[in-house]
Amino acid sequence: MIIVGGSALLASVMLIRKYKYAVFYSAIVGLIIMVFEFVEVLAIGSPTGAGLIMQIIYFVFGIAMVKCSLFVLYLDMKKQDVEMVK
């Protein structure tokens, strides 16, 4: 749990401070969250009720982090490509 929460906290700090690889690291954190939830389901199963809902929410949150990070990276690459053409 420290790895998942600590990496997410580190990604947040990196984004706030505008580090060069912060967006890439955020995508990695999204993958870490998704892998953690997948392994959790394999190890202990999927509980009923609130536990199941939380697993789904965290997995979807990981997917959203990866998709948003990749979209920002895509926009950044597209912006650099436009600047190189000029």
PDB file of N, CA and C in Angstrom:
ATOM      1  N   MET A   1       0.820  -1.194   0.000  1.00  0.00           N
ATOM      2  CA  MET A   1       0.000   0.000   0.000  1.00  0.00           C
ATOM      3  C   MET A   1       0.865   1.259   0.000  1.00  0.00           C
ATOM      4  N   ILE A   2       2.013   1.192   0.640  1.00  0.00           N
ATOM      5  CA  ILE A   2       2.912   2.346   0.665  1.00  0.00           C
ATOM      6  C   ILE A   2       3.422   2.644  -0.745  1.00  0.00           C
ATOM      7  N   ILE A   3       3.661   1.592  -1.517  1.00  0.00           N
ATOM      8  CA  ILE A   3       4.155   1.790  -2.887  1.00  0.00           C
ATOM      9  C   ILE A   3       3.105   2.500  -3.733  1.00  0.00           C
ATOM     10  N   VAL A   4       1.859   2.088  -3.620  1.00  0.00           N
ATOM     11  CA  VAL A   4       0.787   2.690  -4.419  1.00  0.00           C
ATOM     12  C   VAL A   4       0.545   4.137  -3.979  1.00  0.00           C
ATOM     13  N   GLY A   5       0.326   4.342  -2.705  1.00  0.00           N
ATOM     14  CA  GLY A   5       0.052   5.691  -2.201  1.00  0.00           C
ATOM     15  C   GLY A   5       1.253   6.610  -2.304  1.00  0.00           C
ATOM     16  N   GLY A   6       2.436   6.074  -2.010  1.00  0.00           N
ATOM     17  CA  GLY A   6       3.650   6.892  -2.078  1.00  0.00           C
ATOM     18  C   GLY A   6       3.979   7.315  -3.495  1.00  0.00           C
ATOM     19  N   SER A   7       3.789   6.408  -4.434  1.00  0.00           N
ATOM     20  CA  SER A   7       4.063   6.769  -5.826  1.00  0.00           C
ATOM     21  C   SER A   7       3.051   7.790  -6.338  1.00  0.00           C
ATOM     22  N   ALA A   8       1.794   7.668  -5.911  1.00  0.00           N
ATOM     23  CA  ALA A   8       0.784   8.654  -6.312  1.00  0.00           C
ATOM     24  C   ALA A   8       1.088  10.023  -5.700  1.00  0.00           C
ATOM     25  N   LEU A   9       1.529  10.033  -4.456  1.00  0.00           N
ATOM     26  CA  LEU A   9       1.902  11.294  -3.813  1.00  0.00           C
ATOM     27  C   LEU A   9       3.100  11.926  -4.518  1.00  0.00           C
ATOM     28  N   LEU A  10       4.087  11.103  -4.849  1.00  0.00           N
ATOM     29  CA  LEU A  10       5.261  11.608  -5.550  1.00  0.00           C
ATOM     30  C   LEU A  10       4.883  12.166  -6.921  1.00  0.00           C
ATOM     31  N   ALA A  11       3.986  11.483  -7.626  1.00  0.00           N
ATOM     32  CA  ALA A  11       3.534  11.978  -8.932  1.00  0.00           C
ATOM     33  C   ALA A  11       2.819  13.317  -8.784  1.00  0.00           C
ATOM     34  N   SER A  12       2.021  13.452  -7.741  1.00  0.00           N
ATOM     35  CA  SER A  12       1.320  14.719  -7.506  1.00  0.00           C
ATOM     36  C   SER A  12       2.306  15.855  -7.253  1.00  0.00           C
ATOM     37  N   VAL A  13       3.310  15.597  -6.431  1.00  0.00           N
ATOM     38  CA  VAL A  13       4.323  16.623  -6.140  1.00  0.00           C
ATOM     39  C   VAL A  13       5.090  16.980  -7.407  1.00  0.00           C
ATOM     40  N   MET A  14       5.423  15.965  -8.194  1.00  0.00           N
ATOM     41  CA  MET A  14       6.145  16.227  -9.436  1.00  0.00           C
ATOM     42  C   MET A  14       5.306  17.065 -10.408  1.00  0.00           C
ATOM     43  N   LEU A  15       4.004  16.794 -10.469  1.00  0.00           N
ATOM     44  CA  LEU A  15       3.144  17.584 -11.347  1.00  0.00           C
ATOM     45  C   LEU A  15       3.014  19.018 -10.858  1.00  0.00           C
ATOM     46  N   ILE A  16       2.888  19.197  -9.557  1.00  0.00           N
ATOM     47  CA  ILE A  16       2.775  20.548  -9.004  1.00  0.00           C
ATOM     48  C   ILE A  16       4.042  21.347  -9.261  1.00  0.00           C
ATOM     49  N   ARG A  17       5.195  20.696  -9.124  1.00  0.00           N
ATOM     50  CA  ARG A  17       6.475  21.379  -9.334  1.00  0.00           C
ATOM     51  C   ARG A  17       6.894  21.409 -10.801  1.00  0.00           C
ATOM     52  N   LYS A  18       6.085  20.822 -11.668  1.00  0.00           N
ATOM     53  CA  LYS A  18       6.295  20.840 -13.119  1.00  0.00           C
ATOM     54  C   LYS A  18       7.633  20.239 -13.541  1.00  0.00           C
ATOM     55  N   TYR A  19       7.917  19.060 -13.008  1.00  0.00           N
ATOM     56  CA  TYR A  19       9.107  18.339 -13.434  1.00  0.00           C
ATOM     57  C   TYR A  19       8.940  17.837 -14.866  1.00  0.00           C
ATOM     58  N   LYS A  20      10.063  17.612 -15.518  1.00  0.00           N
ATOM     59  CA  LYS A  20      10.063  17.246 -16.931  1.00  0.00           C
ATOM     60  C   LYS A  20       9.316  15.933 -17.194  1.00  0.00           C
ATOM     61  N   TYR A  21       9.533  14.932 -16.370  1.00  0.00           N
ATOM     62  CA  TYR A  21       8.938  13.618 -16.595  1.00  0.00           C
ATOM     63  C   TYR A  21       7.743  13.336 -15.695  1.00  0.00           C
ATOM     64  N   ALA A  22       7.108  14.343 -15.180  1.00  0.00           N
ATOM     65  CA  ALA A  22       5.991  14.161 -14.250  1.00  0.00           C
ATOM     66  C   ALA A  22       4.799  13.470 -14.908  1.00  0.00           C
ATOM     67  N   VAL A  23       4.494  13.835 -16.123  1.00  0.00           N
ATOM     68  CA  VAL A  23       3.338  13.233 -16.808  1.00  0.00           C
ATOM     69  C   VAL A  23       3.611  11.760 -17.112  1.00  0.00           C
ATOM     70  N   PHE A  24       4.822  11.455 -17.545  1.00  0.00           N
ATOM     71  CA  PHE A  24       5.187  10.065 -17.798  1.00  0.00           C
ATOM     72  C   PHE A  24       5.115   9.248 -16.503  1.00  0.00           C
ATOM     73  N   TYR A  25       5.621   9.815 -15.416  1.00  0.00           N
ATOM     74  CA  TYR A  25       5.572   9.128 -14.130  1.00  0.00           C
ATOM     75  C   TYR A  25       4.126   8.923 -13.682  1.00  0.00           C
ATOM     76  N   SER A  26       3.240   9.855 -13.974  1.00  0.00           N
ATOM     77  CA  SER A  26       1.826   9.707 -13.624  1.00  0.00           C
ATOM     78  C   SER A  26       1.205   8.516 -14.358  1.00  0.00           C
ATOM     79  N   ALA A  27       1.605   8.315 -15.603  1.00  0.00           N
ATOM     80  CA  ALA A  27       1.116   7.148 -16.349  1.00  0.00           C
ATOM     81  C   ALA A  27       1.610   5.859 -15.701  1.00  0.00           C
ATOM     82  N   ILE A  28       2.855   5.855 -15.256  1.00  0.00           N
ATOM     83  CA  ILE A  28       3.405   4.685 -14.565  1.00  0.00           C
ATOM     84  C   ILE A  28       2.639   4.426 -13.278  1.00  0.00           C
ATOM     85  N   VAL A  29       2.289   5.482 -12.551  1.00  0.00           N
ATOM     86  CA  VAL A  29       1.523   5.326 -11.308  1.00  0.00           C
ATOM     87  C   VAL A  29       0.141   4.738 -11.603  1.00  0.00           C
ATOM     88  N   GLY A  30      -0.487   5.173 -12.685  1.00  0.00           N
ATOM     89  CA  GLY A  30      -1.772   4.590 -13.079  1.00  0.00           C
ATOM     90  C   GLY A  30      -1.647   3.096 -13.336  1.00  0.00           C
ATOM     91  N   LEU A  31      -0.565   2.695 -13.997  1.00  0.00           N
ATOM     92  CA  LEU A  31      -0.327   1.269 -14.223  1.00  0.00           C
ATOM     93  C   LEU A  31      -0.094   0.528 -12.911  1.00  0.00           C
ATOM     94  N   ILE A  32       0.629   1.161 -11.982  1.00  0.00           N
ATOM     95  CA  ILE A  32       0.864   0.546 -10.669  1.00  0.00           C
ATOM     96  C   ILE A  32      -0.455   0.306  -9.951  1.00  0.00           C
ATOM     97  N   ILE A  33      -1.352   1.276 -10.006  1.00  0.00           N
ATOM     98  CA  ILE A  33      -2.657   1.127  -9.354  1.00  0.00           C
ATOM     99  C   ILE A  33      -3.447  -0.006 -10.000  1.00  0.00           C
ATOM    100  N   MET A  34      -3.435  -0.073 -11.325  1.00  0.00           N
ATOM    101  CA  MET A  34      -4.181  -1.135 -12.004  1.00  0.00           C
ATOM    102  C   MET A  34      -3.609  -2.515 -11.684  1.00  0.00           C
ATOM    103  N   VAL A  35      -2.295  -2.640 -11.673  1.00  0.00           N
ATOM    104  CA  VAL A  35      -1.664  -3.921 -11.345  1.00  0.00           C
ATOM    105  C   VAL A  35      -1.966  -4.302  -9.900  1.00  0.00           C
ATOM    106  N   PHE A  36      -1.918  -3.327  -8.996  1.00  0.00           N
ATOM    107  CA  PHE A  36      -2.215  -3.607  -7.589  1.00  0.00           C
ATOM    108  C   PHE A  36      -3.633  -4.161  -7.443  1.00  0.00           C
ATOM    109  N   GLU A  37      -4.590  -3.535  -8.081  1.00  0.00           N
ATOM    110  CA  GLU A  37      -5.972  -4.000  -7.968  1.00  0.00           C
ATOM    111  C   GLU A  37      -6.154  -5.374  -8.613  1.00  0.00           C
ATOM    112  N   PHE A  38      -5.483  -5.607  -9.735  1.00  0.00           N
ATOM    113  CA  PHE A  38      -5.573  -6.904 -10.396  1.00  0.00           C
ATOM    114  C   PHE A  38      -5.005  -8.009  -9.505  1.00  0.00           C
ATOM    115  N   VAL A  39      -3.851  -7.754  -8.918  1.00  0.00           N
ATOM    116  CA  VAL A  39      -3.227  -8.737  -8.029  1.00  0.00           C
ATOM    117  C   VAL A  39      -4.068  -8.926  -6.770  1.00  0.00           C
ATOM    118  N   GLU A  40      -4.654  -7.859  -6.277  1.00  0.00           N
ATOM    119  CA  GLU A  40      -5.516  -7.958  -5.103  1.00  0.00           C
ATOM    120  C   GLU A  40      -6.701  -8.889  -5.373  1.00  0.00           C
ATOM    121  N   VAL A  41      -7.313  -8.758  -6.527  1.00  0.00           N
ATOM    122  CA  VAL A  41      -8.439  -9.632  -6.881  1.00  0.00           C
ATOM    123  C   VAL A  41      -7.967 -11.078  -7.000  1.00  0.00           C
ATOM    124  N   LEU A  42      -6.781 -11.286  -7.582  1.00  0.00           N
ATOM    125  CA  LEU A  42      -6.255 -12.646  -7.699  1.00  0.00           C
ATOM    126  C   LEU A  42      -5.908 -13.239  -6.334  1.00  0.00           C
ATOM    127  N   ALA A  43      -5.381 -12.413  -5.438  1.00  0.00           N
ATOM    128  CA  ALA A  43      -4.907 -12.917  -4.151  1.00  0.00           C
ATOM    129  C   ALA A  43      -6.040 -13.161  -3.166  1.00  0.00           C
ATOM    130  N   ILE A  44      -6.943 -12.193  -3.018  1.00  0.00           N
ATOM    131  CA  ILE A  44      -7.993 -12.336  -1.998  1.00  0.00           C
ATOM    132  C   ILE A  44      -9.386 -12.480  -2.590  1.00  0.00           C
ATOM    133  N   GLY A  45      -9.475 -12.363  -3.887  1.00  0.00           N
ATOM    134  CA  GLY A  45     -10.792 -12.452  -4.507  1.00  0.00           C
ATOM    135  C   GLY A  45     -11.480 -11.103  -4.528  1.00  0.00           C
ATOM    136  N   SER A  46     -12.669 -11.113  -5.024  1.00  0.00           N
ATOM    137  CA  SER A  46     -13.439  -9.883  -5.116  1.00  0.00           C
ATOM    138  C   SER A  46     -14.581  -9.936  -4.113  1.00  0.00           C
ATOM    139  N   PRO A  47     -14.507  -9.109  -3.061  1.00  0.00           N
ATOM    140  CA  PRO A  47     -15.566  -9.135  -2.053  1.00  0.00           C
ATOM    141  C   PRO A  47     -16.866  -8.559  -2.604  1.00  0.00           C
ATOM    142  N   THR A  48     -17.922  -8.734  -1.854  1.00  0.00           N
ATOM    143  CA  THR A  48     -19.204  -8.163  -2.264  1.00  0.00           C
ATOM    144  C   THR A  48     -19.386  -6.804  -1.598  1.00  0.00           C
ATOM    145  N   GLY A  49     -20.310  -6.039  -2.110  1.00  0.00           N
ATOM    146  CA  GLY A  49     -20.662  -4.764  -1.490  1.00  0.00           C
ATOM    147  C   GLY A  49     -19.654  -3.670  -1.766  1.00  0.00           C
ATOM    148  N   ALA A  50     -19.308  -2.942  -0.711  1.00  0.00           N
ATOM    149  CA  ALA A  50     -18.448  -1.770  -0.834  1.00  0.00           C
ATOM    150  C   ALA A  50     -17.040  -2.128  -1.305  1.00  0.00           C
ATOM    151  N   GLY A  51     -16.535  -3.283  -0.912  1.00  0.00           N
ATOM    152  CA  GLY A  51     -15.196  -3.696  -1.340  1.00  0.00           C
ATOM    153  C   GLY A  51     -15.098  -3.852  -2.842  1.00  0.00           C
ATOM    154  N   LEU A  52     -16.105  -4.447  -3.445  1.00  0.00           N
ATOM    155  CA  LEU A  52     -16.138  -4.619  -4.893  1.00  0.00           C
ATOM    156  C   LEU A  52     -16.200  -3.265  -5.592  1.00  0.00           C
ATOM    157  N   ILE A  53     -17.035  -2.391  -5.070  1.00  0.00           N
ATOM    158  CA  ILE A  53     -17.173  -1.056  -5.666  1.00  0.00           C
ATOM    159  C   ILE A  53     -15.856  -0.292  -5.584  1.00  0.00           C
ATOM    160  N   MET A  54     -15.158  -0.394  -4.457  1.00  0.00           N
ATOM    161  CA  MET A  54     -13.876   0.302  -4.304  1.00  0.00           C
ATOM    162  C   MET A  54     -12.824  -0.252  -5.264  1.00  0.00           C
ATOM    163  N   GLN A  55     -12.800  -1.572  -5.445  1.00  0.00           N
ATOM    164  CA  GLN A  55     -11.849  -2.157  -6.391  1.00  0.00           C
ATOM    165  C   GLN A  55     -12.107  -1.652  -7.802  1.00  0.00           C
ATOM    166  N   ILE A  56     -13.363  -1.583  -8.177  1.00  0.00           N
ATOM    167  CA  ILE A  56     -13.719  -1.096  -9.518  1.00  0.00           C
ATOM    168  C   ILE A  56     -13.351   0.377  -9.659  1.00  0.00           C
ATOM    169  N   ILE A  57     -13.656   1.172  -8.644  1.00  0.00           N
ATOM    170  CA  ILE A  57     -13.346   2.610  -8.699  1.00  0.00           C
ATOM    171  C   ILE A  57     -11.844   2.840  -8.822  1.00  0.00           C
ATOM    172  N   TYR A  58     -11.042   2.128  -8.026  1.00  0.00           N
ATOM    173  CA  TYR A  58      -9.590   2.308  -8.095  1.00  0.00           C
ATOM    174  C   TYR A  58      -9.024   1.844  -9.435  1.00  0.00           C
ATOM    175  N   PHE A  59      -9.548   0.746  -9.973  1.00  0.00           N
ATOM    176  CA  PHE A  59      -9.074   0.280 -11.270  1.00  0.00           C
ATOM    177  C   PHE A  59      -9.417   1.295 -12.365  1.00  0.00           C
ATOM    178  N   VAL A  60     -10.621   1.814 -12.340  1.00  0.00           N
ATOM    179  CA  VAL A  60     -11.027   2.835 -13.315  1.00  0.00           C
ATOM    180  C   VAL A  60     -10.214   4.108 -13.131  1.00  0.00           C
ATOM    181  N   PHE A  61      -9.891   4.450 -11.890  1.00  0.00           N
ATOM    182  CA  PHE A  61      -9.038   5.610 -11.614  1.00  0.00           C
ATOM    183  C   PHE A  61      -7.654   5.406 -12.226  1.00  0.00           C
ATOM    184  N   GLY A  62      -7.117   4.193 -12.127  1.00  0.00           N
ATOM    185  CA  GLY A  62      -5.827   3.894 -12.757  1.00  0.00           C
ATOM    186  C   GLY A  62      -5.896   4.035 -14.263  1.00  0.00           C
ATOM    187  N   ILE A  63      -6.971   3.532 -14.860  1.00  0.00           N
ATOM    188  CA  ILE A  63      -7.159   3.665 -16.308  1.00  0.00           C
ATOM    189  C   ILE A  63      -7.241   5.143 -16.692  1.00  0.00           C
ATOM    190  N   ALA A  64      -7.977   5.921 -15.916  1.00  0.00           N
ATOM    191  CA  ALA A  64      -8.120   7.352 -16.201  1.00  0.00           C
ATOM    192  C   ALA A  64      -6.774   8.071 -16.104  1.00  0.00           C
ATOM    193  N   MET A  65      -5.970   7.703 -15.118  1.00  0.00           N
ATOM    194  CA  MET A  65      -4.645   8.328 -14.986  1.00  0.00           C
ATOM    195  C   MET A  65      -3.777   8.032 -16.202  1.00  0.00           C
ATOM    196  N   VAL A  66      -3.790   6.788 -16.647  1.00  0.00           N
ATOM    197  CA  VAL A  66      -2.983   6.416 -17.809  1.00  0.00           C
ATOM    198  C   VAL A  66      -3.495   7.136 -19.053  1.00  0.00           C
ATOM    199  N   LYS A  67      -4.798   7.137 -19.260  1.00  0.00           N
ATOM    200  CA  LYS A  67      -5.356   7.777 -20.460  1.00  0.00           C
ATOM    201  C   LYS A  67      -5.087   9.278 -20.470  1.00  0.00           C
ATOM    202  N   CYS A  68      -5.277   9.941 -19.343  1.00  0.00           N
ATOM    203  CA  CYS A  68      -5.025  11.383 -19.278  1.00  0.00           C
ATOM    204  C   CYS A  68      -3.549  11.696 -19.496  1.00  0.00           C
ATOM    205  N   SER A  69      -2.677  10.900 -18.892  1.00  0.00           N
ATOM    206  CA  SER A  69      -1.242  11.122 -19.060  1.00  0.00           C
ATOM    207  C   SER A  69      -0.826  10.924 -20.509  1.00  0.00           C
ATOM    208  N   LEU A  70      -1.319   9.861 -21.132  1.00  0.00           N
ATOM    209  CA  LEU A  70      -0.972   9.625 -22.536  1.00  0.00           C
ATOM    210  C   LEU A  70      -1.534  10.719 -23.444  1.00  0.00           C
ATOM    211  N   PHE A  71      -2.712  11.235 -23.113  1.00  0.00           N
ATOM    212  CA  PHE A  71      -3.293  12.317 -23.898  1.00  0.00           C
ATOM    213  C   PHE A  71      -2.451  13.588 -23.782  1.00  0.00           C
ATOM    214  N   VAL A  72      -1.997  13.894 -22.572  1.00  0.00           N
ATOM    215  CA  VAL A  72      -1.143  15.076 -22.375  1.00  0.00           C
ATOM    216  C   VAL A  72       0.187  14.892 -23.110  1.00  0.00           C
ATOM    217  N   LEU A  73       0.750  13.695 -23.047  1.00  0.00           N
ATOM    218  CA  LEU A  73       1.985  13.429 -23.785  1.00  0.00           C
ATOM    219  C   LEU A  73       1.765  13.572 -25.291  1.00  0.00           C
ATOM    220  N   TYR A  74       0.625  13.097 -25.772  1.00  0.00           N
ATOM    221  CA  TYR A  74       0.290  13.232 -27.189  1.00  0.00           C
ATOM    222  C   TYR A  74       0.190  14.709 -27.585  1.00  0.00           C
ATOM    223  N   LEU A  75      -0.502  15.499 -26.766  1.00  0.00           N
ATOM    224  CA  LEU A  75      -0.626  16.929 -27.074  1.00  0.00           C
ATOM    225  C   LEU A  75       0.732  17.624 -27.061  1.00  0.00           C
ATOM    226  N   ASP A  76       1.587  17.224 -26.122  1.00  0.00           N
ATOM    227  CA  ASP A  76       2.915  17.821 -26.036  1.00  0.00           C
ATOM    228  C   ASP A  76       3.748  17.466 -27.266  1.00  0.00           C
ATOM    229  N   MET A  77       3.665  16.213 -27.692  1.00  0.00           N
ATOM    230  CA  MET A  77       4.405  15.805 -28.892  1.00  0.00           C
ATOM    231  C   MET A  77       3.869  16.510 -30.127  1.00  0.00           C
ATOM    232  N   LYS A  78       2.553  16.663 -30.202  1.00  0.00           N
ATOM    233  CA  LYS A  78       1.939  17.348 -31.341  1.00  0.00           C
ATOM    234  C   LYS A  78       2.371  18.820 -31.363  1.00  0.00           C
ATOM    235  N   LYS A  79       2.439  19.436 -30.186  1.00  0.00           N
ATOM    236  CA  LYS A  79       2.864  20.829 -30.084  1.00  0.00           C
ATOM    237  C   LYS A  79       4.322  20.972 -30.518  1.00  0.00           C
ATOM    238  N   GLN A  80       5.170  20.046 -30.110  1.00  0.00           N
ATOM    239  CA  GLN A  80       6.575  20.083 -30.521  1.00  0.00           C
ATOM    240  C   GLN A  80       6.719  19.876 -32.014  1.00  0.00           C
ATOM    241  N   ASP A  81       5.892  19.020 -32.589  1.00  0.00           N
ATOM    242  CA  ASP A  81       5.933  18.769 -34.023  1.00  0.00           C
ATOM    243  C   ASP A  81       5.552  20.019 -34.787  1.00  0.00           C
ATOM    244  N   VAL A  82       4.547  20.738 -34.322  1.00  0.00           N
ATOM    245  CA  VAL A  82       4.128  21.988 -34.968  1.00  0.00           C
ATOM    246  C   VAL A  82       5.230  23.032 -34.872  1.00  0.00           C
ATOM    247  N   GLU A  83       5.892  23.088 -33.728  1.00  0.00           N
ATOM    248  CA  GLU A  83       6.973  24.066 -33.560  1.00  0.00           C
ATOM    249  C   GLU A  83       8.156  23.742 -34.453  1.00  0.00           C
ATOM    250  N   MET A  84       8.426  22.451 -34.716  1.00  0.00           N
ATOM    251  CA  MET A  84       9.538  22.072 -35.558  1.00  0.00           C
ATOM    252  C   MET A  84       9.259  22.394 -37.021  1.00  0.00           C
ATOM    253  N   VAL A  85       7.976  22.377 -37.416  1.00  0.00           N
ATOM    254  CA  VAL A  85       7.603  22.666 -38.792  1.00  0.00           C
ATOM    255  C   VAL A  85       7.822  24.148 -39.106  1.00  0.00           C
ATOM    256  N   LYS A  86       7.594  24.983 -38.133  1.00  0.00           N
ATOM    257  CA  LYS A  86       7.717  26.442 -38.361  1.00  0.00           C
ATOM    258  C   LYS A  86       9.107  26.871 -38.641  1.00  0.00           C
TER     259      LYS A  86
END
